[in-house]
Amino acid sequence: MAIKRVHIYVSGRVQGVWFRATAQGIAIDENLTGWVRNLRDSRVEIVAEGEETGLQALVKWCHIGSDAAEVSDVDDTWSDPTFEFGAFLSGETA
């Protein structure tokens, strides 16, 4: 399976509801690298690289979100990987 990169923006009630922590756990379970962070405009941003099936699982989960989340939109853009990440990290608000 091919290694890919996906850049995801998730809108809705996705901050303060364990969205980042859960996304990080799923990414780690799927052996993905990259990061997740809150944006000042209330969205969550994710950049992830790994096997395409793992990335698809992460994108699919983003449409549902954590138990307390209310996802209204998911925008995902796919590209070639850069192999710049060594792990999957959860960052602060950007």
PDB file of N, CA and C in Angstrom:
ATOM      1  N   MET A   1       0.855  -1.184   0.000  1.00  0.00           N
ATOM      2  CA  MET A   1       0.000   0.000   0.000  1.00  0.00           C
ATOM      3  C   MET A   1       0.896   1.241   0.000  1.00  0.00           C
ATOM      4  N   ALA A   2       0.449   2.265  -0.638  1.00  0.00           N
ATOM      5  CA  ALA A   2       1.238   3.483  -0.810  1.00  0.00           C
ATOM      6  C   ALA A   2       1.227   4.368   0.441  1.00  0.00           C
ATOM      7  N   ILE A   3       2.350   5.040   0.660  1.00  0.00           N
ATOM      8  CA  ILE A   3       2.450   6.040   1.719  1.00  0.00           C
ATOM      9  C   ILE A   3       1.936   7.358   1.145  1.00  0.00           C
ATOM     10  N   LYS A   4       1.058   8.021   1.866  1.00  0.00           N
ATOM     11  CA  LYS A   4       0.441   9.274   1.429  1.00  0.00           C
ATOM     12  C   LYS A   4       0.499  10.295   2.556  1.00  0.00           C
ATOM     13  N   ARG A   5       0.034  11.497   2.255  1.00  0.00           N
ATOM     14  CA  ARG A   5      -0.081  12.591   3.227  1.00  0.00           C
ATOM     15  C   ARG A   5      -1.478  13.174   3.084  1.00  0.00           C
ATOM     16  N   VAL A   6      -2.099  13.494   4.207  1.00  0.00           N
ATOM     17  CA  VAL A   6      -3.395  14.163   4.177  1.00  0.00           C
ATOM     18  C   VAL A   6      -3.363  15.351   5.132  1.00  0.00           C
ATOM     19  N   HIS A   7      -3.936  16.456   4.679  1.00  0.00           N
ATOM     20  CA  HIS A   7      -4.064  17.679   5.475  1.00  0.00           C
ATOM     21  C   HIS A   7      -5.561  17.880   5.684  1.00  0.00           C
ATOM     22  N   ILE A   8      -5.977  17.900   6.949  1.00  0.00           N
ATOM     23  CA  ILE A   8      -7.401  17.889   7.289  1.00  0.00           C
ATOM     24  C   ILE A   8      -7.753  19.116   8.131  1.00  0.00           C
ATOM     25  N   TYR A   9      -8.876  19.755   7.796  1.00  0.00           N
ATOM     26  CA  TYR A   9      -9.471  20.792   8.635  1.00  0.00           C
ATOM     27  C   TYR A   9     -10.846  20.292   9.053  1.00  0.00           C
ATOM     28  N   VAL A  10     -11.112  20.312  10.360  1.00  0.00           N
ATOM     29  CA  VAL A  10     -12.383  19.836  10.883  1.00  0.00           C
ATOM     30  C   VAL A  10     -13.095  21.005  11.559  1.00  0.00           C
ATOM     31  N   SER A  11     -14.348  21.239  11.154  1.00  0.00           N
ATOM     32  CA  SER A  11     -15.156  22.329  11.702  1.00  0.00           C
ATOM     33  C   SER A  11     -16.296  21.776  12.539  1.00  0.00           C
ATOM     34  N   GLY A  12     -16.827  22.627  13.402  1.00  0.00           N
ATOM     35  CA  GLY A  12     -17.934  22.261  14.272  1.00  0.00           C
ATOM     36  C   GLY A  12     -17.540  22.475  15.721  1.00  0.00           C
ATOM     37  N   ARG A  13     -18.186  21.746  16.610  1.00  0.00           N
ATOM     38  CA  ARG A  13     -17.788  21.799  18.030  1.00  0.00           C
ATOM     39  C   ARG A  13     -16.733  20.716  18.220  1.00  0.00           C
ATOM     40  N   VAL A  14     -15.481  21.117  17.960  1.00  0.00           N
ATOM     41  CA  VAL A  14     -14.385  20.154  17.965  1.00  0.00           C
ATOM     42  C   VAL A  14     -13.243  20.553  18.899  1.00  0.00           C
ATOM     43  N   GLN A  15     -13.422  21.625  19.643  1.00  0.00           N
ATOM     44  CA  GLN A  15     -12.423  22.019  20.634  1.00  0.00           C
ATOM     45  C   GLN A  15     -13.028  21.887  22.023  1.00  0.00           C
ATOM     46  N   GLY A  16     -12.216  21.427  22.958  1.00  0.00           N
ATOM     47  CA  GLY A  16     -12.683  21.237  24.334  1.00  0.00           C
ATOM     48  C   GLY A  16     -13.530  19.992  24.511  1.00  0.00           C
ATOM     49  N   VAL A  17     -13.458  19.069  23.549  1.00  0.00           N
ATOM     50  CA  VAL A  17     -14.270  17.844  23.603  1.00  0.00           C
ATOM     51  C   VAL A  17     -13.423  16.589  23.346  1.00  0.00           C
ATOM     52  N   TRP A  18     -12.134  16.669  23.653  1.00  0.00           N
ATOM     53  CA  TRP A  18     -11.186  15.562  23.511  1.00  0.00           C
ATOM     54  C   TRP A  18     -10.971  15.137  22.063  1.00  0.00           C
ATOM     55  N   PHE A  19     -11.248  16.030  21.123  1.00  0.00           N
ATOM     56  CA  PHE A  19     -11.066  15.709  19.709  1.00  0.00           C
ATOM     57  C   PHE A  19      -9.593  15.473  19.388  1.00  0.00           C
ATOM     58  N   ARG A  20      -8.722  16.401  19.799  1.00  0.00           N
ATOM     59  CA  ARG A  20      -7.291  16.263  19.502  1.00  0.00           C
ATOM     60  C   ARG A  20      -6.706  14.993  20.102  1.00  0.00           C
ATOM     61  N   ALA A  21      -6.998  14.756  21.368  1.00  0.00           N
ATOM     62  CA  ALA A  21      -6.429  13.582  22.050  1.00  0.00           C
ATOM     63  C   ALA A  21      -6.905  12.289  21.400  1.00  0.00           C
ATOM     64  N   THR A  22      -8.169  12.237  21.039  1.00  0.00           N
ATOM     65  CA  THR A  22      -8.696  11.033  20.409  1.00  0.00           C
ATOM     66  C   THR A  22      -8.126  10.861  19.012  1.00  0.00           C
ATOM     67  N   ALA A  23      -8.009  11.959  18.251  1.00  0.00           N
ATOM     68  CA  ALA A  23      -7.415  11.897  16.920  1.00  0.00           C
ATOM     69  C   ALA A  23      -5.970  11.408  17.011  1.00  0.00           C
ATOM     70  N   GLN A  24      -5.241  11.896  18.003  1.00  0.00           N
ATOM     71  CA  GLN A  24      -3.860  11.464  18.191  1.00  0.00           C
ATOM     72  C   GLN A  24      -3.809   9.957  18.476  1.00  0.00           C
ATOM     73  N   GLY A  25      -4.693   9.479  19.335  1.00  0.00           N
ATOM     74  CA  GLY A  25      -4.732   8.046  19.646  1.00  0.00           C
ATOM     75  C   GLY A  25      -5.035   7.200  18.426  1.00  0.00           C
ATOM     76  N   ILE A  26      -5.960   7.649  17.602  1.00  0.00           N
ATOM     77  CA  ILE A  26      -6.290   6.906  16.385  1.00  0.00           C
ATOM     78  C   ILE A  26      -5.105   6.918  15.434  1.00  0.00           C
ATOM     79  N   ALA A  27      -4.465   8.075  15.275  1.00  0.00           N
ATOM     80  CA  ALA A  27      -3.304   8.175  14.394  1.00  0.00           C
ATOM     81  C   ALA A  27      -2.186   7.239  14.858  1.00  0.00           C
ATOM     82  N   ILE A  28      -1.945   7.197  16.144  1.00  0.00           N
ATOM     83  CA  ILE A  28      -0.908   6.309  16.677  1.00  0.00           C
ATOM     84  C   ILE A  28      -1.297   4.850  16.443  1.00  0.00           C
ATOM     85  N   ASP A  29      -2.556   4.515  16.688  1.00  0.00           N
ATOM     86  CA  ASP A  29      -3.030   3.149  16.446  1.00  0.00           C
ATOM     87  C   ASP A  29      -2.866   2.743  14.978  1.00  0.00           C
ATOM     88  N   GLU A  30      -2.989   3.707  14.075  1.00  0.00           N
ATOM     89  CA  GLU A  30      -2.874   3.452  12.636  1.00  0.00           C
ATOM     90  C   GLU A  30      -1.432   3.599  12.131  1.00  0.00           C
ATOM     91  N   ASN A  31      -0.491   3.803  13.064  1.00  0.00           N
ATOM     92  CA  ASN A  31       0.934   3.960  12.718  1.00  0.00           C
ATOM     93  C   ASN A  31       1.195   5.149  11.802  1.00  0.00           C
ATOM     94  N   LEU A  32       0.489   6.256  12.054  1.00  0.00           N
ATOM     95  CA  LEU A  32       0.668   7.468  11.275  1.00  0.00           C
ATOM     96  C   LEU A  32       1.628   8.408  11.987  1.00  0.00           C
ATOM     97  N   THR A  33       2.238   9.298  11.239  1.00  0.00           N
ATOM     98  CA  THR A  33       3.060  10.356  11.802  1.00  0.00           C
ATOM     99  C   THR A  33       2.440  11.692  11.412  1.00  0.00           C
ATOM    100  N   GLY A  34       2.790  12.750  12.166  1.00  0.00           N
ATOM    101  CA  GLY A  34       2.249  14.073  11.876  1.00  0.00           C
ATOM    102  C   GLY A  34       1.873  14.803  13.138  1.00  0.00           C
ATOM    103  N   TRP A  35       0.803  15.592  13.049  1.00  0.00           N
ATOM    104  CA  TRP A  35       0.371  16.364  14.219  1.00  0.00           C
ATOM    105  C   TRP A  35      -1.092  16.785  14.099  1.00  0.00           C
ATOM    106  N   VAL A  36      -1.637  17.199  15.241  1.00  0.00           N
ATOM    107  CA  VAL A  36      -2.992  17.747  15.322  1.00  0.00           C
ATOM    108  C   VAL A  36      -2.932  18.958  16.235  1.00  0.00           C
ATOM    109  N   ARG A  37      -3.699  20.015  15.890  1.00  0.00           N
ATOM    110  CA  ARG A  37      -3.717  21.208  16.729  1.00  0.00           C
ATOM    111  C   ARG A  37      -5.044  21.943  16.568  1.00  0.00           C
ATOM    112  N   ASN A  38      -5.377  22.733  17.583  1.00  0.00           N
ATOM    113  CA  ASN A  38      -6.535  23.621  17.515  1.00  0.00           C
ATOM    114  C   ASN A  38      -6.144  24.883  16.758  1.00  0.00           C
ATOM    115  N   LEU A  39      -7.094  25.445  16.028  1.00  0.00           N
ATOM    116  CA  LEU A  39      -6.902  26.734  15.376  1.00  0.00           C
ATOM    117  C   LEU A  39      -7.736  27.783  16.102  1.00  0.00           C
ATOM    118  N   ARG A  40      -7.313  29.027  16.038  1.00  0.00           N
ATOM    119  CA  ARG A  40      -8.022  30.114  16.727  1.00  0.00           C
ATOM    120  C   ARG A  40      -9.443  30.318  16.208  1.00  0.00           C
ATOM    121  N   ASP A  41      -9.726  29.851  14.997  1.00  0.00           N
ATOM    122  CA  ASP A  41     -11.082  30.003  14.437  1.00  0.00           C
ATOM    123  C   ASP A  41     -12.009  28.843  14.815  1.00  0.00           C
ATOM    124  N   SER A  42     -11.625  28.061  15.815  1.00  0.00           N
ATOM    125  CA  SER A  42     -12.416  26.957  16.387  1.00  0.00           C
ATOM    126  C   SER A  42     -12.349  25.657  15.595  1.00  0.00           C
ATOM    127  N   ARG A  43     -11.579  25.619  14.526  1.00  0.00           N
ATOM    128  CA  ARG A  43     -11.393  24.361  13.798  1.00  0.00           C
ATOM    129  C   ARG A  43     -10.226  23.589  14.395  1.00  0.00           C
ATOM    130  N   VAL A  44     -10.104  22.334  13.992  1.00  0.00           N
ATOM    131  CA  VAL A  44      -8.944  21.504  14.307  1.00  0.00           C
ATOM    132  C   VAL A  44      -8.243  21.205  12.997  1.00  0.00           C
ATOM    133  N   GLU A  45      -6.920  21.286  13.021  1.00  0.00           N
ATOM    134  CA  GLU A  45      -6.100  21.008  11.841  1.00  0.00           C
ATOM    135  C   GLU A  45      -5.258  19.765  12.108  1.00  0.00           C
ATOM    136  N   ILE A  46      -5.190  18.893  11.124  1.00  0.00           N
ATOM    137  CA  ILE A  46      -4.414  17.662  11.224  1.00  0.00           C
ATOM    138  C   ILE A  46      -3.576  17.507   9.956  1.00  0.00           C
ATOM    139  N   VAL A  47      -2.314  17.170  10.138  1.00  0.00           N
ATOM    140  CA  VAL A  47      -1.451  16.755   9.029  1.00  0.00           C
ATOM    141  C   VAL A  47      -0.930  15.375   9.399  1.00  0.00           C
ATOM    142  N   ALA A  48      -1.154  14.407   8.517  1.00  0.00           N
ATOM    143  CA  ALA A  48      -0.749  13.035   8.830  1.00  0.00           C
ATOM    144  C   ALA A  48      -0.160  12.368   7.597  1.00  0.00           C
ATOM    145  N   GLU A  49       0.786  11.474   7.855  1.00  0.00           N
ATOM    146  CA  GLU A  49       1.398  10.678   6.804  1.00  0.00           C
ATOM    147  C   GLU A  49       1.422   9.217   7.226  1.00  0.00           C
ATOM    148  N   GLY A  50       1.299   8.342   6.250  1.00  0.00           N
ATOM    149  CA  GLY A  50       1.364   6.918   6.520  1.00  0.00           C
ATOM    150  C   GLY A  50       0.679   6.123   5.431  1.00  0.00           C
ATOM    151  N   GLU A  51       0.408   4.861   5.734  1.00  0.00           N
ATOM    152  CA  GLU A  51      -0.295   3.998   4.784  1.00  0.00           C
ATOM    153  C   GLU A  51      -1.665   4.597   4.471  1.00  0.00           C
ATOM    154  N   GLU A  52      -2.050   4.516   3.219  1.00  0.00           N
ATOM    155  CA  GLU A  52      -3.306   5.122   2.780  1.00  0.00           C
ATOM    156  C   GLU A  52      -4.515   4.597   3.553  1.00  0.00           C
ATOM    157  N   THR A  53      -4.523   3.315   3.894  1.00  0.00           N
ATOM    158  CA  THR A  53      -5.664   2.766   4.629  1.00  0.00           C
ATOM    159  C   THR A  53      -5.774   3.383   6.021  1.00  0.00           C
ATOM    160  N   GLY A  54      -4.646   3.617   6.679  1.00  0.00           N
ATOM    161  CA  GLY A  54      -4.663   4.262   7.991  1.00  0.00           C
ATOM    162  C   GLY A  54      -5.127   5.704   7.905  1.00  0.00           C
ATOM    163  N   LEU A  55      -4.688   6.395   6.868  1.00  0.00           N
ATOM    164  CA  LEU A  55      -5.123   7.785   6.666  1.00  0.00           C
ATOM    165  C   LEU A  55      -6.615   7.845   6.380  1.00  0.00           C
ATOM    166  N   GLN A  56      -7.112   6.909   5.579  1.00  0.00           N
ATOM    167  CA  GLN A  56      -8.546   6.865   5.292  1.00  0.00           C
ATOM    168  C   GLN A  56      -9.348   6.620   6.565  1.00  0.00           C
ATOM    169  N   ALA A  57      -8.835   5.774   7.460  1.00  0.00           N
ATOM    170  CA  ALA A  57      -9.506   5.519   8.734  1.00  0.00           C
ATOM    171  C   ALA A  57      -9.556   6.789   9.573  1.00  0.00           C
ATOM    172  N   LEU A  58      -8.467   7.563   9.581  1.00  0.00           N
ATOM    173  CA  LEU A  58      -8.443   8.821  10.329  1.00  0.00           C
ATOM    174  C   LEU A  58      -9.439   9.816   9.753  1.00  0.00           C
ATOM    175  N   VAL A  59      -9.472   9.966   8.439  1.00  0.00           N
ATOM    176  CA  VAL A  59     -10.421  10.887   7.804  1.00  0.00           C
ATOM    177  C   VAL A  59     -11.855  10.458   8.101  1.00  0.00           C
ATOM    178  N   LYS A  60     -12.122   9.172   8.006  1.00  0.00           N
ATOM    179  CA  LYS A  60     -13.471   8.660   8.305  1.00  0.00           C
ATOM    180  C   LYS A  60     -13.858   8.992   9.743  1.00  0.00           C
ATOM    181  N   TRP A  61     -12.926   8.789  10.681  1.00  0.00           N
ATOM    182  CA  TRP A  61     -13.207   9.107  12.076  1.00  0.00           C
ATOM    183  C   TRP A  61     -13.471  10.604  12.248  1.00  0.00           C
ATOM    184  N   CYS A  62     -12.747  11.447  11.528  1.00  0.00           N
ATOM    185  CA  CYS A  62     -12.919  12.904  11.651  1.00  0.00           C
ATOM    186  C   CYS A  62     -14.351  13.339  11.336  1.00  0.00           C
ATOM    187  N   HIS A  63     -15.039  12.610  10.489  1.00  0.00           N
ATOM    188  CA  HIS A  63     -16.433  12.940  10.165  1.00  0.00           C
ATOM    189  C   HIS A  63     -17.366  12.667  11.350  1.00  0.00           C
ATOM    190  N   ILE A  64     -16.925  11.835  12.274  1.00  0.00           N
ATOM    191  CA  ILE A  64     -17.711  11.485  13.461  1.00  0.00           C
ATOM    192  C   ILE A  64     -17.189  12.251  14.675  1.00  0.00           C
ATOM    193  N   GLY A  65     -15.891  12.171  14.905  1.00  0.00           N
ATOM    194  CA  GLY A  65     -15.261  12.868  16.017  1.00  0.00           C
ATOM    195  C   GLY A  65     -15.395  12.135  17.333  1.00  0.00           C
ATOM    196  N   SER A  66     -14.907  12.774  18.374  1.00  0.00           N
ATOM    197  CA  SER A  66     -14.990  12.219  19.726  1.00  0.00           C
ATOM    198  C   SER A  66     -16.446  12.223  20.191  1.00  0.00           C
ATOM    199  N   ASP A  67     -16.710  11.550  21.296  1.00  0.00           N
ATOM    200  CA  ASP A  67     -18.090  11.400  21.769  1.00  0.00           C
ATOM    201  C   ASP A  67     -18.825  12.719  21.945  1.00  0.00           C
ATOM    202  N   ALA A  68     -18.162  13.749  22.446  1.00  0.00           N
ATOM    203  CA  ALA A  68     -18.816  15.029  22.719  1.00  0.00           C
ATOM    204  C   ALA A  68     -18.739  16.017  21.545  1.00  0.00           C
ATOM    205  N   ALA A  69     -18.052  15.647  20.483  1.00  0.00           N
ATOM    206  CA  ALA A  69     -17.886  16.542  19.333  1.00  0.00           C
ATOM    207  C   ALA A  69     -19.146  16.582  18.472  1.00  0.00           C
ATOM    208  N   GLU A  70     -19.292  17.680  17.761  1.00  0.00           N
ATOM    209  CA  GLU A  70     -20.340  17.829  16.750  1.00  0.00           C
ATOM    210  C   GLU A  70     -19.659  18.347  15.488  1.00  0.00           C
ATOM    211  N   VAL A  71     -19.305  17.447  14.594  1.00  0.00           N
ATOM    212  CA  VAL A  71     -18.576  17.798  13.384  1.00  0.00           C
ATOM    213  C   VAL A  71     -19.555  18.310  12.337  1.00  0.00           C
ATOM    214  N   SER A  72     -19.241  19.495  11.776  1.00  0.00           N
ATOM    215  CA  SER A  72     -20.094  20.050  10.726  1.00  0.00           C
ATOM    216  C   SER A  72     -19.448  19.959   9.348  1.00  0.00           C
ATOM    217  N   ASP A  73     -18.112  19.894   9.280  1.00  0.00           N
ATOM    218  CA  ASP A  73     -17.440  19.816   7.987  1.00  0.00           C
ATOM    219  C   ASP A  73     -16.036  19.246   8.150  1.00  0.00           C
ATOM    220  N   VAL A  74     -15.613  18.467   7.169  1.00  0.00           N
ATOM    221  CA  VAL A  74     -14.251  17.936   7.107  1.00  0.00           C
ATOM    222  C   VAL A  74     -13.719  18.223   5.708  1.00  0.00           C
ATOM    223  N   ASP A  75     -12.609  18.944   5.652  1.00  0.00           N
ATOM    224  CA  ASP A  75     -11.955  19.262   4.385  1.00  0.00           C
ATOM    225  C   ASP A  75     -10.607  18.553   4.374  1.00  0.00           C
ATOM    226  N   ASP A  76     -10.443  17.579   3.484  1.00  0.00           N
ATOM    227  CA  ASP A  76      -9.183  16.835   3.428  1.00  0.00           C
ATOM    228  C   ASP A  76      -8.541  16.987   2.052  1.00  0.00           C
ATOM    229  N   THR A  77      -7.236  17.248   2.075  1.00  0.00           N
ATOM    230  CA  THR A  77      -6.444  17.409   0.868  1.00  0.00           C
ATOM    231  C   THR A  77      -5.316  16.394   0.902  1.00  0.00           C
ATOM    232  N   TRP A  78      -5.191  15.611  -0.164  1.00  0.00           N
ATOM    233  CA  TRP A  78      -4.210  14.536  -0.232  1.00  0.00           C
ATOM    234  C   TRP A  78      -3.025  14.956  -1.086  1.00  0.00           C
ATOM    235  N   SER A  79      -1.830  14.492  -0.694  1.00  0.00           N
ATOM    236  CA  SER A  79      -0.621  14.798  -1.452  1.00  0.00           C
ATOM    237  C   SER A  79       0.433  13.724  -1.193  1.00  0.00           C
ATOM    238  N   ASP A  80       1.588  13.907  -1.819  1.00  0.00           N
ATOM    239  CA  ASP A  80       2.710  13.005  -1.589  1.00  0.00           C
ATOM    240  C   ASP A  80       3.314  13.285  -0.215  1.00  0.00           C
ATOM    241  N   PRO A  81       3.857  12.268   0.435  1.00  0.00           N
ATOM    242  CA  PRO A  81       4.451  12.458   1.760  1.00  0.00           C
ATOM    243  C   PRO A  81       5.778  13.212   1.683  1.00  0.00           C
ATOM    244  N   THR A  82       6.128  13.865   2.773  1.00  0.00           N
ATOM    245  CA  THR A  82       7.419  14.544   2.882  1.00  0.00           C
ATOM    246  C   THR A  82       8.366  13.783   3.803  1.00  0.00           C
ATOM    247  N   PHE A  83       7.834  12.852   4.570  1.00  0.00           N
ATOM    248  CA  PHE A  83       8.605  12.033   5.515  1.00  0.00           C
ATOM    249  C   PHE A  83       9.336  12.900   6.545  1.00  0.00           C
ATOM    250  N   GLU A  84       8.712  14.023   6.930  1.00  0.00           N
ATOM    251  CA  GLU A  84       9.357  14.942   7.871  1.00  0.00           C
ATOM    252  C   GLU A  84       9.059  14.641   9.337  1.00  0.00           C
ATOM    253  N   PHE A  85       8.128  13.740   9.613  1.00  0.00           N
ATOM    254  CA  PHE A  85       7.693  13.490  10.984  1.00  0.00           C
ATOM    255  C   PHE A  85       8.264  12.183  11.520  1.00  0.00           C
ATOM    256  N   GLY A  86       8.531  12.158  12.826  1.00  0.00           N
ATOM    257  CA  GLY A  86       9.000  10.944  13.460  1.00  0.00           C
ATOM    258  C   GLY A  86       7.971  10.295  14.350  1.00  0.00           C
ATOM    259  N   ALA A  87       6.904  11.039  14.661  1.00  0.00           N
ATOM    260  CA  ALA A  87       5.843  10.556  15.557  1.00  0.00           C
ATOM    261  C   ALA A  87       4.582  11.330  15.213  1.00  0.00           C
ATOM    262  N   PHE A  88       3.504  11.077  15.981  1.00  0.00           N
ATOM    263  CA  PHE A  88       2.277  11.866  15.828  1.00  0.00           C
ATOM    264  C   PHE A  88       2.071  12.654  17.103  1.00  0.00           C
ATOM    265  N   LEU A  89       2.093  13.974  17.003  1.00  0.00           N
ATOM    266  CA  LEU A  89       2.063  14.860  18.159  1.00  0.00           C
ATOM    267  C   LEU A  89       0.785  15.679  18.206  1.00  0.00           C
ATOM    268  N   SER A  90       0.403  16.065  19.403  1.00  0.00           N
ATOM    269  CA  SER A  90      -0.709  16.981  19.609  1.00  0.00           C
ATOM    270  C   SER A  90      -0.131  18.312  20.039  1.00  0.00           C
ATOM    271  N   GLY A  91      -0.403  19.355  19.264  1.00  0.00           N
ATOM    272  CA  GLY A  91       0.167  20.675  19.526  1.00  0.00           C
ATOM    273  C   GLY A  91      -0.821  21.623  20.160  1.00  0.00           C
ATOM    274  N   GLU A  92      -0.327  22.798  20.444  1.00  0.00           N
ATOM    275  CA  GLU A  92      -1.140  23.858  21.034  1.00  0.00           C
ATOM    276  C   GLU A  92      -1.891  24.610  19.942  1.00  0.00           C
ATOM    277  N   THR A  93      -2.698  25.554  20.345  1.00  0.00           N
ATOM    278  CA  THR A  93      -3.486  26.358  19.415  1.00  0.00           C
ATOM    279  C   THR A  93      -2.564  27.207  18.551  1.00  0.00           C
ATOM    280  N   ALA A  94      -2.877  27.255  17.267  1.00  0.00           N
ATOM    281  CA  ALA A  94      -2.097  28.062  16.326  1.00  0.00           C
ATOM    282  C   ALA A  94      -2.903  29.249  15.858  1.00  0.00           C
TER     283      ALA A  94
END
